[in-house]
Amino acid sequence: MTVVGKVTGIQPYGAFVSLDDHIQGLIHISECHHGFVADIHKFLKTDQKVKVMIIDIDEYSQKISLSVRCLEKPFVLTPEPFVRCEHKHYWTNRKINEGFKPIQIRLDGWMKKALVDMESDNLKLN
């Protein structure tokens, strides 16, 4: 979805964009422009109106990721009229707190199996 917003603040890692009175998103520095961006201030200014594409909304934190890069023409000539931005979506859930527990539960079994396999390989070599 493409929307127009207003840059409300700029940090070294990206620019915050107000989409309306209650909704704000972030343009990460990597989504400001094609190629390397050393200084975000060269591309965006505070209070600037900017057309952005919504590329992700985190289901649990409700954080909105925005991109200007997706709306730019590519550096190289391609048969496509625009660059299609493909982003991996990682589904996260702050309500599930598994951490390393699944590894801890299985670790002893893995170690015993590895020792048996090593012992078996030693017997085959001798």
PDB file of N, CA and C in Angstrom:
ATOM      1  N   MET A   1       0.839  -1.167   0.000  1.00  0.00           N
ATOM      2  CA  MET A   1       0.000   0.000   0.000  1.00  0.00           C
ATOM      3  C   MET A   1       0.892   1.241   0.000  1.00  0.00           C
ATOM      4  N   THR A   2       0.555   2.206  -0.798  1.00  0.00           N
ATOM      5  CA  THR A   2       1.308   3.459  -0.883  1.00  0.00           C
ATOM      6  C   THR A   2       0.509   4.561  -0.193  1.00  0.00           C
ATOM      7  N   VAL A   3       1.204   5.311   0.674  1.00  0.00           N
ATOM      8  CA  VAL A   3       0.566   6.399   1.416  1.00  0.00           C
ATOM      9  C   VAL A   3       1.499   7.605   1.446  1.00  0.00           C
ATOM     10  N   VAL A   4       0.952   8.744   1.859  1.00  0.00           N
ATOM     11  CA  VAL A   4       1.755   9.961   2.025  1.00  0.00           C
ATOM     12  C   VAL A   4       1.798  10.286   3.510  1.00  0.00           C
ATOM     13  N   GLY A   5       2.991  10.606   3.984  1.00  0.00           N
ATOM     14  CA  GLY A   5       3.161  10.948   5.387  1.00  0.00           C
ATOM     15  C   GLY A   5       4.089  12.126   5.542  1.00  0.00           C
ATOM     16  N   LYS A   6       4.334  12.501   6.784  1.00  0.00           N
ATOM     17  CA  LYS A   6       5.192  13.648   7.090  1.00  0.00           C
ATOM     18  C   LYS A   6       6.319  13.177   8.001  1.00  0.00           C
ATOM     19  N   VAL A   7       7.557  13.485   7.629  1.00  0.00           N
ATOM     20  CA  VAL A   7       8.725  13.110   8.432  1.00  0.00           C
ATOM     21  C   VAL A   7       8.694  13.920   9.721  1.00  0.00           C
ATOM     22  N   THR A   8       8.649  13.206  10.853  1.00  0.00           N
ATOM     23  CA  THR A   8       8.566  13.883  12.150  1.00  0.00           C
ATOM     24  C   THR A   8       9.886  13.874  12.912  1.00  0.00           C
ATOM     25  N   GLY A   9      10.785  12.983  12.524  1.00  0.00           N
ATOM     26  CA  GLY A   9      12.069  12.915  13.206  1.00  0.00           C
ATOM     27  C   GLY A   9      13.038  12.036  12.436  1.00  0.00           C
ATOM     28  N   ILE A  10      14.319  12.354  12.581  1.00  0.00           N
ATOM     29  CA  ILE A  10      15.352  11.598  11.878  1.00  0.00           C
ATOM     30  C   ILE A  10      16.419  11.167  12.873  1.00  0.00           C
ATOM     31  N   GLN A  11      16.762   9.897  12.808  1.00  0.00           N
ATOM     32  CA  GLN A  11      17.824   9.309  13.608  1.00  0.00           C
ATOM     33  C   GLN A  11      18.849   8.722  12.639  1.00  0.00           C
ATOM     34  N   PRO A  12      20.047   8.369  13.100  1.00  0.00           N
ATOM     35  CA  PRO A  12      21.048   7.795  12.196  1.00  0.00           C
ATOM     36  C   PRO A  12      20.576   6.506  11.514  1.00  0.00           C
ATOM     37  N   TYR A  13      19.651   5.785  12.130  1.00  0.00           N
ATOM     38  CA  TYR A  13      19.195   4.505  11.589  1.00  0.00           C
ATOM     39  C   TYR A  13      17.941   4.617  10.719  1.00  0.00           C
ATOM     40  N   GLY A  14      17.277   5.778  10.721  1.00  0.00           N
ATOM     41  CA  GLY A  14      16.077   5.910   9.907  1.00  0.00           C
ATOM     42  C   GLY A  14      15.272   7.147  10.242  1.00  0.00           C
ATOM     43  N   ALA A  15      14.126   7.277   9.562  1.00  0.00           N
ATOM     44  CA  ALA A  15      13.269   8.448   9.732  1.00  0.00           C
ATOM     45  C   ALA A  15      11.880   8.005  10.187  1.00  0.00           C
ATOM     46  N   PHE A  16      11.334   8.719  11.156  1.00  0.00           N
ATOM     47  CA  PHE A  16       9.989   8.459  11.632  1.00  0.00           C
ATOM     48  C   PHE A  16       9.015   9.283  10.804  1.00  0.00           C
ATOM     49  N   VAL A  17       7.937   8.634  10.372  1.00  0.00           N
ATOM     50  CA  VAL A  17       6.964   9.277   9.498  1.00  0.00           C
ATOM     51  C   VAL A  17       5.582   9.152  10.122  1.00  0.00           C
ATOM     52  N   SER A  18       4.911  10.286  10.268  1.00  0.00           N
ATOM     53  CA  SER A  18       3.551  10.302  10.767  1.00  0.00           C
ATOM     54  C   SER A  18       2.610  10.087   9.593  1.00  0.00           C
ATOM     55  N   LEU A  19       1.781   9.039   9.692  1.00  0.00           N
ATOM     56  CA  LEU A  19       0.833   8.741   8.625  1.00  0.00           C
ATOM     57  C   LEU A  19      -0.514   9.399   8.892  1.00  0.00           C
ATOM     58  N   ASP A  20      -0.847   9.596  10.153  1.00  0.00           N
ATOM     59  CA  ASP A  20      -1.991  10.400  10.578  1.00  0.00           C
ATOM     60  C   ASP A  20      -1.751  10.802  12.030  1.00  0.00           C
ATOM     61  N   ASP A  21      -2.777  11.271  12.718  1.00  0.00           N
ATOM     62  CA  ASP A  21      -2.587  11.764  14.087  1.00  0.00           C
ATOM     63  C   ASP A  21      -2.139  10.693  15.078  1.00  0.00           C
ATOM     64  N   HIS A  22      -2.462   9.420  14.793  1.00  0.00           N
ATOM     65  CA  HIS A  22      -2.174   8.369  15.767  1.00  0.00           C
ATOM     66  C   HIS A  22      -1.263   7.271  15.240  1.00  0.00           C
ATOM     67  N   ILE A  23      -0.921   7.298  13.978  1.00  0.00           N
ATOM     68  CA  ILE A  23      -0.139   6.218  13.382  1.00  0.00           C
ATOM     69  C   ILE A  23       1.189   6.755  12.878  1.00  0.00           C
ATOM     70  N   GLN A  24       2.270   6.071  13.281  1.00  0.00           N
ATOM     71  CA  GLN A  24       3.610   6.465  12.885  1.00  0.00           C
ATOM     72  C   GLN A  24       4.364   5.226  12.417  1.00  0.00           C
ATOM     73  N   GLY A  25       5.218   5.397  11.411  1.00  0.00           N
ATOM     74  CA  GLY A  25       6.035   4.305  10.908  1.00  0.00           C
ATOM     75  C   GLY A  25       7.480   4.734  10.815  1.00  0.00           C
ATOM     76  N   LEU A  26       8.337   3.781  10.446  1.00  0.00           N
ATOM     77  CA  LEU A  26       9.770   4.053  10.340  1.00  0.00           C
ATOM     78  C   LEU A  26      10.273   3.673   8.956  1.00  0.00           C
ATOM     79  N   ILE A  27      11.007   4.574   8.340  1.00  0.00           N
ATOM     80  CA  ILE A  27      11.748   4.266   7.119  1.00  0.00           C
ATOM     81  C   ILE A  27      13.167   3.963   7.568  1.00  0.00           C
ATOM     82  N   HIS A  28      13.556   2.697   7.524  1.00  0.00           N
ATOM     83  CA  HIS A  28      14.921   2.326   7.895  1.00  0.00           C
ATOM     84  C   HIS A  28      15.870   2.948   6.868  1.00  0.00           C
ATOM     85  N   ILE A  29      17.081   3.261   7.266  1.00  0.00           N
ATOM     86  CA  ILE A  29      18.045   3.907   6.377  1.00  0.00           C
ATOM     87  C   ILE A  29      18.262   3.098   5.098  1.00  0.00           C
ATOM     88  N   SER A  30      18.157   1.781   5.186  1.00  0.00           N
ATOM     89  CA  SER A  30      18.337   0.933   4.009  1.00  0.00           C
ATOM     90  C   SER A  30      17.160   1.035   3.041  1.00  0.00           C
ATOM     91  N   GLU A  31      16.039   1.603   3.496  1.00  0.00           N
ATOM     92  CA  GLU A  31      14.854   1.745   2.656  1.00  0.00           C
ATOM     93  C   GLU A  31      14.665   3.182   2.152  1.00  0.00           C
ATOM     94  N   CYS A  32      15.696   4.040   2.337  1.00  0.00           N
ATOM     95  CA  CYS A  32      15.610   5.431   1.896  1.00  0.00           C
ATOM     96  C   CYS A  32      15.914   5.590   0.415  1.00  0.00           C
ATOM     97  N   HIS A  33      16.810   4.757  -0.078  1.00  0.00           N
ATOM     98  CA  HIS A  33      17.329   4.960  -1.427  1.00  0.00           C
ATOM     99  C   HIS A  33      18.037   3.684  -1.870  1.00  0.00           C
ATOM    100  N   HIS A  34      18.058   3.440  -3.175  1.00  0.00           N
ATOM    101  CA  HIS A  34      18.823   2.298  -3.686  1.00  0.00           C
ATOM    102  C   HIS A  34      20.304   2.533  -3.427  1.00  0.00           C
ATOM    103  N   GLY A  35      21.020   1.514  -3.032  1.00  0.00           N
ATOM    104  CA  GLY A  35      22.450   1.634  -2.793  1.00  0.00           C
ATOM    105  C   GLY A  35      22.744   2.063  -1.370  1.00  0.00           C
ATOM    106  N   PHE A  36      24.012   2.341  -1.133  1.00  0.00           N
ATOM    107  CA  PHE A  36      24.485   2.708   0.202  1.00  0.00           C
ATOM    108  C   PHE A  36      24.077   4.129   0.554  1.00  0.00           C
ATOM    109  N   VAL A  37      23.552   4.317   1.753  1.00  0.00           N
ATOM    110  CA  VAL A  37      23.168   5.642   2.246  1.00  0.00           C
ATOM    111  C   VAL A  37      24.037   5.939   3.463  1.00  0.00           C
ATOM    112  N   ALA A  38      24.985   6.839   3.300  1.00  0.00           N
ATOM    113  CA  ALA A  38      25.881   7.191   4.402  1.00  0.00           C
ATOM    114  C   ALA A  38      25.213   8.170   5.364  1.00  0.00           C
ATOM    115  N   ASP A  39      24.413   9.094   4.817  1.00  0.00           N
ATOM    116  CA  ASP A  39      23.772  10.109   5.642  1.00  0.00           C
ATOM    117  C   ASP A  39      22.318  10.250   5.210  1.00  0.00           C
ATOM    118  N   ILE A  40      21.422   9.869   6.074  1.00  0.00           N
ATOM    119  CA  ILE A  40      19.998   9.906   5.765  1.00  0.00           C
ATOM    120  C   ILE A  40      19.499  11.328   5.519  1.00  0.00           C
ATOM    121  N   HIS A  41      20.192  12.315   6.108  1.00  0.00           N
ATOM    122  CA  HIS A  41      19.791  13.721   5.946  1.00  0.00           C
ATOM    123  C   HIS A  41      19.913  14.206   4.499  1.00  0.00           C
ATOM    124  N   LYS A  42      20.668  13.494   3.675  1.00  0.00           N
ATOM    125  CA  LYS A  42      20.790  13.878   2.261  1.00  0.00           C
ATOM    126  C   LYS A  42      19.529  13.522   1.473  1.00  0.00           C
ATOM    127  N   PHE A  43      18.686  12.651   2.041  1.00  0.00           N
ATOM    128  CA  PHE A  43      17.497  12.185   1.334  1.00  0.00           C
ATOM    129  C   PHE A  43      16.192  12.639   1.974  1.00  0.00           C
ATOM    130  N   LEU A  44      16.203  12.825   3.294  1.00  0.00           N
ATOM    131  CA  LEU A  44      14.972  13.186   3.996  1.00  0.00           C
ATOM    132  C   LEU A  44      15.222  14.332   4.968  1.00  0.00           C
ATOM    133  N   LYS A  45      14.221  15.175   5.126  1.00  0.00           N
ATOM    134  CA  LYS A  45      14.285  16.311   6.049  1.00  0.00           C
ATOM    135  C   LYS A  45      13.064  16.274   6.965  1.00  0.00           C
ATOM    136  N   THR A  46      13.201  16.798   8.168  1.00  0.00           N
ATOM    137  CA  THR A  46      12.078  16.894   9.089  1.00  0.00           C
ATOM    138  C   THR A  46      11.007  17.806   8.493  1.00  0.00           C
ATOM    139  N   ASP A  47       9.752  17.454   8.678  1.00  0.00           N
ATOM    140  CA  ASP A  47       8.563  18.153   8.164  1.00  0.00           C
ATOM    141  C   ASP A  47       8.347  17.967   6.663  1.00  0.00           C
ATOM    142  N   GLN A  48       9.164  17.142   6.030  1.00  0.00           N
ATOM    143  CA  GLN A  48       9.010  16.871   4.599  1.00  0.00           C
ATOM    144  C   GLN A  48       7.843  15.908   4.385  1.00  0.00           C
ATOM    145  N   LYS A  49       6.996  16.201   3.393  1.00  0.00           N
ATOM    146  CA  LYS A  49       5.960  15.260   2.981  1.00  0.00           C
ATOM    147  C   LYS A  49       6.633  14.219   2.098  1.00  0.00           C
ATOM    148  N   VAL A  50       6.319  12.948   2.335  1.00  0.00           N
ATOM    149  CA  VAL A  50       6.996  11.877   1.614  1.00  0.00           C
ATOM    150  C   VAL A  50       5.990  10.782   1.254  1.00  0.00           C
ATOM    151  N   LYS A  51       6.103  10.299   0.021  1.00  0.00           N
ATOM    152  CA  LYS A  51       5.282   9.182  -0.432  1.00  0.00           C
ATOM    153  C   LYS A  51       6.044   7.910  -0.089  1.00  0.00           C
ATOM    154  N   VAL A  52       5.404   7.000   0.632  1.00  0.00           N
ATOM    155  CA  VAL A  52       6.060   5.779   1.097  1.00  0.00           C
ATOM    156  C   VAL A  52       5.184   4.562   0.807  1.00  0.00           C
ATOM    157  N   MET A  53       5.850   3.408   0.791  1.00  0.00           N
ATOM    158  CA  MET A  53       5.133   2.142   0.665  1.00  0.00           C
ATOM    159  C   MET A  53       5.207   1.428   2.006  1.00  0.00           C
ATOM    160  N   ILE A  54       4.072   0.925   2.466  1.00  0.00           N
ATOM    161  CA  ILE A  54       4.056   0.119   3.688  1.00  0.00           C
ATOM    162  C   ILE A  54       4.533  -1.273   3.302  1.00  0.00           C
ATOM    163  N   ILE A  55       5.666  -1.693   3.879  1.00  0.00           N
ATOM    164  CA  ILE A  55       6.228  -2.995   3.510  1.00  0.00           C
ATOM    165  C   ILE A  55       6.019  -4.048   4.588  1.00  0.00           C
ATOM    166  N   ASP A  56       5.692  -3.628   5.814  1.00  0.00           N
ATOM    167  CA  ASP A  56       5.458  -4.609   6.868  1.00  0.00           C
ATOM    168  C   ASP A  56       4.760  -3.946   8.050  1.00  0.00           C
ATOM    169  N   ILE A  57       3.885  -4.699   8.687  1.00  0.00           N
ATOM    170  CA  ILE A  57       3.283  -4.288   9.957  1.00  0.00           C
ATOM    171  C   ILE A  57       3.444  -5.476  10.891  1.00  0.00           C
ATOM    172  N   ASP A  58       4.221  -5.285  11.957  1.00  0.00           N
ATOM    173  CA  ASP A  58       4.430  -6.369  12.912  1.00  0.00           C
ATOM    174  C   ASP A  58       3.114  -6.643  13.633  1.00  0.00           C
ATOM    175  N   GLU A  59       2.701  -7.887  13.590  1.00  0.00           N
ATOM    176  CA  GLU A  59       1.402  -8.283  14.116  1.00  0.00           C
ATOM    177  C   GLU A  59       1.254  -8.000  15.607  1.00  0.00           C
ATOM    178  N   TYR A  60       2.329  -8.124  16.364  1.00  0.00           N
ATOM    179  CA  TYR A  60       2.226  -8.015  17.822  1.00  0.00           C
ATOM    180  C   TYR A  60       2.620  -6.639  18.349  1.00  0.00           C
ATOM    181  N   SER A  61       3.682  -6.052  17.806  1.00  0.00           N
ATOM    182  CA  SER A  61       4.106  -4.743  18.303  1.00  0.00           C
ATOM    183  C   SER A  61       3.414  -3.600  17.570  1.00  0.00           C
ATOM    184  N   GLN A  62       2.750  -3.906  16.446  1.00  0.00           N
ATOM    185  CA  GLN A  62       2.059  -2.921  15.607  1.00  0.00           C
ATOM    186  C   GLN A  62       3.013  -1.889  15.009  1.00  0.00           C
ATOM    187  N   LYS A  63       4.312  -2.225  14.924  1.00  0.00           N
ATOM    188  CA  LYS A  63       5.287  -1.330  14.298  1.00  0.00           C
ATOM    189  C   LYS A  63       5.137  -1.418  12.782  1.00  0.00           C
ATOM    190  N   ILE A  64       5.205  -0.263  12.134  1.00  0.00           N
ATOM    191  CA  ILE A  64       5.014  -0.191  10.691  1.00  0.00           C
ATOM    192  C   ILE A  64       6.346   0.125  10.026  1.00  0.00           C
ATOM    193  N   SER A  65       6.738  -0.714   9.070  1.00  0.00           N
ATOM    194  CA  SER A  65       7.965  -0.494   8.299  1.00  0.00           C
ATOM    195  C   SER A  65       7.581   0.132   6.971  1.00  0.00           C
ATOM    196  N   LEU A  66       8.296   1.205   6.628  1.00  0.00           N
ATOM    197  CA  LEU A  66       8.005   1.954   5.407  1.00  0.00           C
ATOM    198  C   LEU A  66       9.205   1.951   4.477  1.00  0.00           C
ATOM    199  N   SER A  67       8.952   2.224   3.192  1.00  0.00           N
ATOM    200  CA  SER A  67      10.040   2.277   2.214  1.00  0.00           C
ATOM    201  C   SER A  67       9.783   3.359   1.185  1.00  0.00           C
ATOM    202  N   VAL A  68      10.826   4.121   0.893  1.00  0.00           N
ATOM    203  CA  VAL A  68      10.820   5.052  -0.237  1.00  0.00           C
ATOM    204  C   VAL A  68      11.501   4.364  -1.413  1.00  0.00           C
ATOM    205  N   ARG A  69      12.465   3.513  -1.100  1.00  0.00           N
ATOM    206  CA  ARG A  69      13.260   2.806  -2.107  1.00  0.00           C
ATOM    207  C   ARG A  69      12.382   1.992  -3.042  1.00  0.00           C
ATOM    208  N   CYS A  70      11.344   1.369  -2.508  1.00  0.00           N
ATOM    209  CA  CYS A  70      10.452   0.541  -3.327  1.00  0.00           C
ATOM    210  C   CYS A  70       9.729   1.351  -4.407  1.00  0.00           C
ATOM    211  N   LEU A  71       9.612   2.635  -4.197  1.00  0.00           N
ATOM    212  CA  LEU A  71       8.907   3.481  -5.155  1.00  0.00           C
ATOM    213  C   LEU A  71       9.845   4.146  -6.161  1.00  0.00           C
ATOM    214  N   GLU A  72      11.157   4.023  -5.929  1.00  0.00           N
ATOM    215  CA  GLU A  72      12.138   4.612  -6.842  1.00  0.00           C
ATOM    216  C   GLU A  72      12.369   3.718  -8.042  1.00  0.00           C
ATOM    217  N   LYS A  73      12.808   4.332  -9.127  1.00  0.00           N
ATOM    218  CA  LYS A  73      13.215   3.547 -10.289  1.00  0.00           C
ATOM    219  C   LYS A  73      14.580   2.935  -9.987  1.00  0.00           C
ATOM    220  N   PRO A  74      14.852   1.761 -10.533  1.00  0.00           N
ATOM    221  CA  PRO A  74      16.145   1.113 -10.255  1.00  0.00           C
ATOM    222  C   PRO A  74      17.290   1.815 -10.971  1.00  0.00           C
ATOM    223  N   PHE A  75      18.516   1.537 -10.517  1.00  0.00           N
ATOM    224  CA  PHE A  75      19.702   2.100 -11.152  1.00  0.00           C
ATOM    225  C   PHE A  75      19.892   1.558 -12.560  1.00  0.00           C
ATOM    226  N   VAL A  76      19.659   0.270 -12.729  1.00  0.00           N
ATOM    227  CA  VAL A  76      19.884  -0.359 -14.027  1.00  0.00           C
ATOM    228  C   VAL A  76      18.573  -0.426 -14.789  1.00  0.00           C
ATOM    229  N   LEU A  77      18.686  -0.468 -16.110  1.00  0.00           N
ATOM    230  CA  LEU A  77      17.496  -0.575 -16.922  1.00  0.00           C
ATOM    231  C   LEU A  77      17.024  -2.018 -16.925  1.00  0.00           C
ATOM    232  N   THR A  78      15.776  -2.221 -16.606  1.00  0.00           N
ATOM    233  CA  THR A  78      15.195  -3.554 -16.601  1.00  0.00           C
ATOM    234  C   THR A  78      13.896  -3.507 -17.389  1.00  0.00           C
ATOM    235  N   PRO A  79      13.412  -4.647 -17.829  1.00  0.00           N
ATOM    236  CA  PRO A  79      12.147  -4.649 -18.539  1.00  0.00           C
ATOM    237  C   PRO A  79      10.964  -4.239 -17.658  1.00  0.00           C
ATOM    238  N   GLU A  80      11.113  -4.392 -16.331  1.00  0.00           N
ATOM    239  CA  GLU A  80      10.032  -4.007 -15.422  1.00  0.00           C
ATOM    240  C   GLU A  80      10.026  -2.489 -15.237  1.00  0.00           C
ATOM    241  N   PRO A  81       8.854  -1.857 -15.127  1.00  0.00           N
ATOM    242  CA  PRO A  81       8.804  -0.416 -14.909  1.00  0.00           C
ATOM    243  C   PRO A  81       9.165  -0.005 -13.490  1.00  0.00           C
ATOM    244  N   PHE A  82       9.206  -0.947 -12.548  1.00  0.00           N
ATOM    245  CA  PHE A  82       9.568  -0.635 -11.174  1.00  0.00           C
ATOM    246  C   PHE A  82      10.266  -1.825 -10.542  1.00  0.00           C
ATOM    247  N   VAL A  83      10.958  -1.564  -9.432  1.00  0.00           N
ATOM    248  CA  VAL A  83      11.628  -2.632  -8.702  1.00  0.00           C
ATOM    249  C   VAL A  83      10.639  -3.180  -7.685  1.00  0.00           C
ATOM    250  N   ARG A  84      10.485  -4.459  -7.704  1.00  0.00           N
ATOM    251  CA  ARG A  84       9.588  -5.091  -6.747  1.00  0.00           C
ATOM    252  C   ARG A  84      10.393  -5.441  -5.505  1.00  0.00           C
ATOM    253  N   CYS A  85      10.007  -4.897  -4.388  1.00  0.00           N
ATOM    254  CA  CYS A  85      10.725  -5.150  -3.137  1.00  0.00           C
ATOM    255  C   CYS A  85      10.171  -6.406  -2.495  1.00  0.00           C
ATOM    256  N   GLU A  86      11.030  -7.381  -2.310  1.00  0.00           N
ATOM    257  CA  GLU A  86      10.651  -8.618  -1.639  1.00  0.00           C
ATOM    258  C   GLU A  86      11.246  -8.579  -0.235  1.00  0.00           C
ATOM    259  N   HIS A  87      10.416  -8.688   0.748  1.00  0.00           N
ATOM    260  CA  HIS A  87      10.880  -8.680   2.130  1.00  0.00           C
ATOM    261  C   HIS A  87      10.411  -9.948   2.813  1.00  0.00           C
ATOM    262  N   LYS A  88      11.308 -10.563   3.548  1.00  0.00           N
ATOM    263  CA  LYS A  88      10.926 -11.720   4.341  1.00  0.00           C
ATOM    264  C   LYS A  88      10.107 -11.227   5.527  1.00  0.00           C
ATOM    265  N   HIS A  89       9.072 -11.950   5.830  1.00  0.00           N
ATOM    266  CA  HIS A  89       8.270 -11.591   6.991  1.00  0.00           C
ATOM    267  C   HIS A  89       8.513 -12.630   8.077  1.00  0.00           C
ATOM    268  N   TYR A  90       9.028 -12.182   9.176  1.00  0.00           N
ATOM    269  CA  TYR A  90       9.292 -13.070  10.291  1.00  0.00           C
ATOM    270  C   TYR A  90       8.154 -12.912  11.292  1.00  0.00           C
ATOM    271  N   TRP A  91       7.376 -13.966  11.467  1.00  0.00           N
ATOM    272  CA  TRP A  91       6.278 -13.915  12.424  1.00  0.00           C
ATOM    273  C   TRP A  91       6.847 -14.122  13.817  1.00  0.00           C
ATOM    274  N   THR A  92       6.593 -13.190  14.668  1.00  0.00           N
ATOM    275  CA  THR A  92       7.077 -13.283  16.037  1.00  0.00           C
ATOM    276  C   THR A  92       5.885 -13.242  16.978  1.00  0.00           C
ATOM    277  N   ASN A  93       6.096 -13.754  18.153  1.00  0.00           N
ATOM    278  CA  ASN A  93       5.045 -13.742  19.145  1.00  0.00           C
ATOM    279  C   ASN A  93       5.682 -13.494  20.496  1.00  0.00           C
ATOM    280  N   ARG A  94       5.444 -12.322  21.049  1.00  0.00           N
ATOM    281  CA  ARG A  94       6.027 -11.993  22.344  1.00  0.00           C
ATOM    282  C   ARG A  94       5.375 -12.764  23.475  1.00  0.00           C
ATOM    283  N   LYS A  95       4.219 -13.371  23.203  1.00  0.00           N
ATOM    284  CA  LYS A  95       3.509 -14.101  24.246  1.00  0.00           C
ATOM    285  C   LYS A  95       4.112 -15.489  24.484  1.00  0.00           C
ATOM    286  N   ILE A  96       4.825 -16.018  23.507  1.00  0.00           N
ATOM    287  CA  ILE A  96       5.463 -17.322  23.650  1.00  0.00           C
ATOM    288  C   ILE A  96       6.912 -17.098  24.056  1.00  0.00           C
ATOM    289  N   ASN A  97       7.294 -17.617  25.213  1.00  0.00           N
ATOM    290  CA  ASN A  97       8.641 -17.406  25.723  1.00  0.00           C
ATOM    291  C   ASN A  97       9.346 -18.753  25.801  1.00  0.00           C
ATOM    292  N   GLU A  98       9.811 -19.262  24.668  1.00  0.00           N
ATOM    293  CA  GLU A  98      10.476 -20.561  24.616  1.00  0.00           C
ATOM    294  C   GLU A  98      11.967 -20.437  24.881  1.00  0.00           C
ATOM    295  N   GLY A  99      12.601 -19.461  24.249  1.00  0.00           N
ATOM    296  CA  GLY A  99      14.036 -19.287  24.428  1.00  0.00           C
ATOM    297  C   GLY A  99      14.815 -20.527  24.043  1.00  0.00           C
ATOM    298  N   PHE A 100      15.757 -20.942  24.887  1.00  0.00           N
ATOM    299  CA  PHE A 100      16.601 -22.105  24.627  1.00  0.00           C
ATOM    300  C   PHE A 100      16.042 -23.382  25.252  1.00  0.00           C
ATOM    301  N   LYS A 101      14.833 -23.316  25.801  1.00  0.00           N
ATOM    302  CA  LYS A 101      14.260 -24.473  26.484  1.00  0.00           C
ATOM    303  C   LYS A 101      14.194 -25.718  25.597  1.00  0.00           C
ATOM    304  N   PRO A 102      13.752 -25.633  24.326  1.00  0.00           N
ATOM    305  CA  PRO A 102      13.710 -26.837  23.491  1.00  0.00           C
ATOM    306  C   PRO A 102      15.091 -27.468  23.296  1.00  0.00           C
ATOM    307  N   ILE A 103      16.121 -26.652  23.210  1.00  0.00           N
ATOM    308  CA  ILE A 103      17.484 -27.175  23.060  1.00  0.00           C
ATOM    309  C   ILE A 103      17.919 -27.856  24.357  1.00  0.00           C
ATOM    310  N   GLN A 104      17.637 -27.211  25.474  1.00  0.00           N
ATOM    311  CA  GLN A 104      18.023 -27.772  26.778  1.00  0.00           C
ATOM    312  C   GLN A 104      17.374 -29.133  26.990  1.00  0.00           C
ATOM    313  N   ILE A 105      16.120 -29.263  26.612  1.00  0.00           N
ATOM    314  CA  ILE A 105      15.401 -30.524  26.798  1.00  0.00           C
ATOM    315  C   ILE A 105      16.034 -31.648  25.987  1.00  0.00           C
ATOM    316  N   ARG A 106      16.498 -31.353  24.787  1.00  0.00           N
ATOM    317  CA  ARG A 106      17.014 -32.381  23.876  1.00  0.00           C
ATOM    318  C   ARG A 106      18.528 -32.583  23.946  1.00  0.00           C
ATOM    319  N   LEU A 107      19.248 -31.691  24.601  1.00  0.00           N
ATOM    320  CA  LEU A 107      20.706 -31.702  24.582  1.00  0.00           C
ATOM    321  C   LEU A 107      21.303 -33.013  25.090  1.00  0.00           C
ATOM    322  N   ASP A 108      20.828 -33.532  26.216  1.00  0.00           N
ATOM    323  CA  ASP A 108      21.383 -34.780  26.762  1.00  0.00           C
ATOM    324  C   ASP A 108      21.229 -35.931  25.773  1.00  0.00           C
ATOM    325  N   GLY A 109      20.075 -36.035  25.152  1.00  0.00           N
ATOM    326  CA  GLY A 109      19.843 -37.096  24.171  1.00  0.00           C
ATOM    327  C   GLY A 109      20.763 -36.963  22.971  1.00  0.00           C
ATOM    328  N   TRP A 110      20.954 -35.739  22.511  1.00  0.00           N
ATOM    329  CA  TRP A 110      21.850 -35.506  21.366  1.00  0.00           C
ATOM    330  C   TRP A 110      23.285 -35.892  21.710  1.00  0.00           C
ATOM    331  N   MET A 111      23.713 -35.531  22.926  1.00  0.00           N
ATOM    332  CA  MET A 111      25.085 -35.840  23.328  1.00  0.00           C
ATOM    333  C   MET A 111      25.290 -37.346  23.444  1.00  0.00           C
ATOM    334  N   LYS A 112      24.314 -38.071  24.026  1.00  0.00           N
ATOM    335  CA  LYS A 112      24.423 -39.527  24.148  1.00  0.00           C
ATOM    336  C   LYS A 112      24.472 -40.172  22.766  1.00  0.00           C
ATOM    337  N   LYS A 113      23.622 -39.711  21.854  1.00  0.00           N
ATOM    338  CA  LYS A 113      23.608 -40.260  20.495  1.00  0.00           C
ATOM    339  C   LYS A 113      24.942 -39.994  19.795  1.00  0.00           C
ATOM    340  N   ALA A 114      25.482 -38.765  19.957  1.00  0.00           N
ATOM    341  CA  ALA A 114      26.760 -38.426  19.329  1.00  0.00           C
ATOM    342  C   ALA A 114      27.878 -39.322  19.864  1.00  0.00           C
ATOM    343  N   LEU A 115      27.899 -39.571  21.184  1.00  0.00           N
ATOM    344  CA  LEU A 115      28.922 -40.434  21.774  1.00  0.00           C
ATOM    345  C   LEU A 115      28.797 -41.867  21.256  1.00  0.00           C
ATOM    346  N   VAL A 116      27.565 -42.360  21.141  1.00  0.00           N
ATOM    347  CA  VAL A 116      27.341 -43.710  20.601  1.00  0.00           C
ATOM    348  C   VAL A 116      27.821 -43.768  19.157  1.00  0.00           C
ATOM    349  N   ASP A 117      27.490 -42.750  18.356  1.00  0.00           N
ATOM    350  CA  ASP A 117      27.920 -42.698  16.952  1.00  0.00           C
ATOM    351  C   ASP A 117      29.437 -42.647  16.840  1.00  0.00           C
ATOM    352  N   MET A 118      30.088 -41.865  17.703  1.00  0.00           N
ATOM    353  CA  MET A 118      31.550 -41.777  17.680  1.00  0.00           C
ATOM    354  C   MET A 118      32.175 -43.110  18.044  1.00  0.00           C
ATOM    355  N   GLU A 119      31.624 -43.767  19.055  1.00  0.00           N
ATOM    356  CA  GLU A 119      32.136 -45.067  19.483  1.00  0.00           C
ATOM    357  C   GLU A 119      31.963 -46.098  18.368  1.00  0.00           C
ATOM    358  N   SER A 120      30.826 -46.029  17.718  1.00  0.00           N
ATOM    359  CA  SER A 120      30.540 -46.938  16.595  1.00  0.00           C
ATOM    360  C   SER A 120      31.530 -46.692  15.440  1.00  0.00           C
ATOM    361  N   ASP A 121      31.819 -45.421  15.153  1.00  0.00           N
ATOM    362  CA  ASP A 121      32.785 -45.100  14.085  1.00  0.00           C
ATOM    363  C   ASP A 121      34.191 -45.581  14.455  1.00  0.00           C
ATOM    364  N   ASN A 122      34.572 -45.453  15.727  1.00  0.00           N
ATOM    365  CA  ASN A 122      35.889 -45.944  16.170  1.00  0.00           C
ATOM    366  C   ASN A 122      36.001 -47.442  16.003  1.00  0.00           C
ATOM    367  N   LEU A 123      34.940 -48.189  16.316  1.00  0.00           N
ATOM    368  CA  LEU A 123      34.967 -49.650  16.176  1.00  0.00           C
ATOM    369  C   LEU A 123      35.106 -50.054  14.702  1.00  0.00           C
ATOM    370  N   LYS A 124      34.469 -49.296  13.814  1.00  0.00           N
ATOM    371  CA  LYS A 124      34.540 -49.590  12.380  1.00  0.00           C
ATOM    372  C   LYS A 124      35.948 -49.353  11.836  1.00  0.00           C
ATOM    373  N   LEU A 125      36.635 -48.340  12.381  1.00  0.00           N
ATOM    374  CA  LEU A 125      37.978 -48.011  11.906  1.00  0.00           C
ATOM    375  C   LEU A 125      39.008 -49.032  12.403  1.00  0.00           C
ATOM    376  N   ASN A 126      38.793 -49.636  13.534  1.00  0.00           N
ATOM    377  CA  ASN A 126      39.758 -50.602  14.105  1.00  0.00           C
ATOM    378  C   ASN A 126      39.544 -51.971  13.612  1.00  0.00           C
TER     379      ASN A 126
END
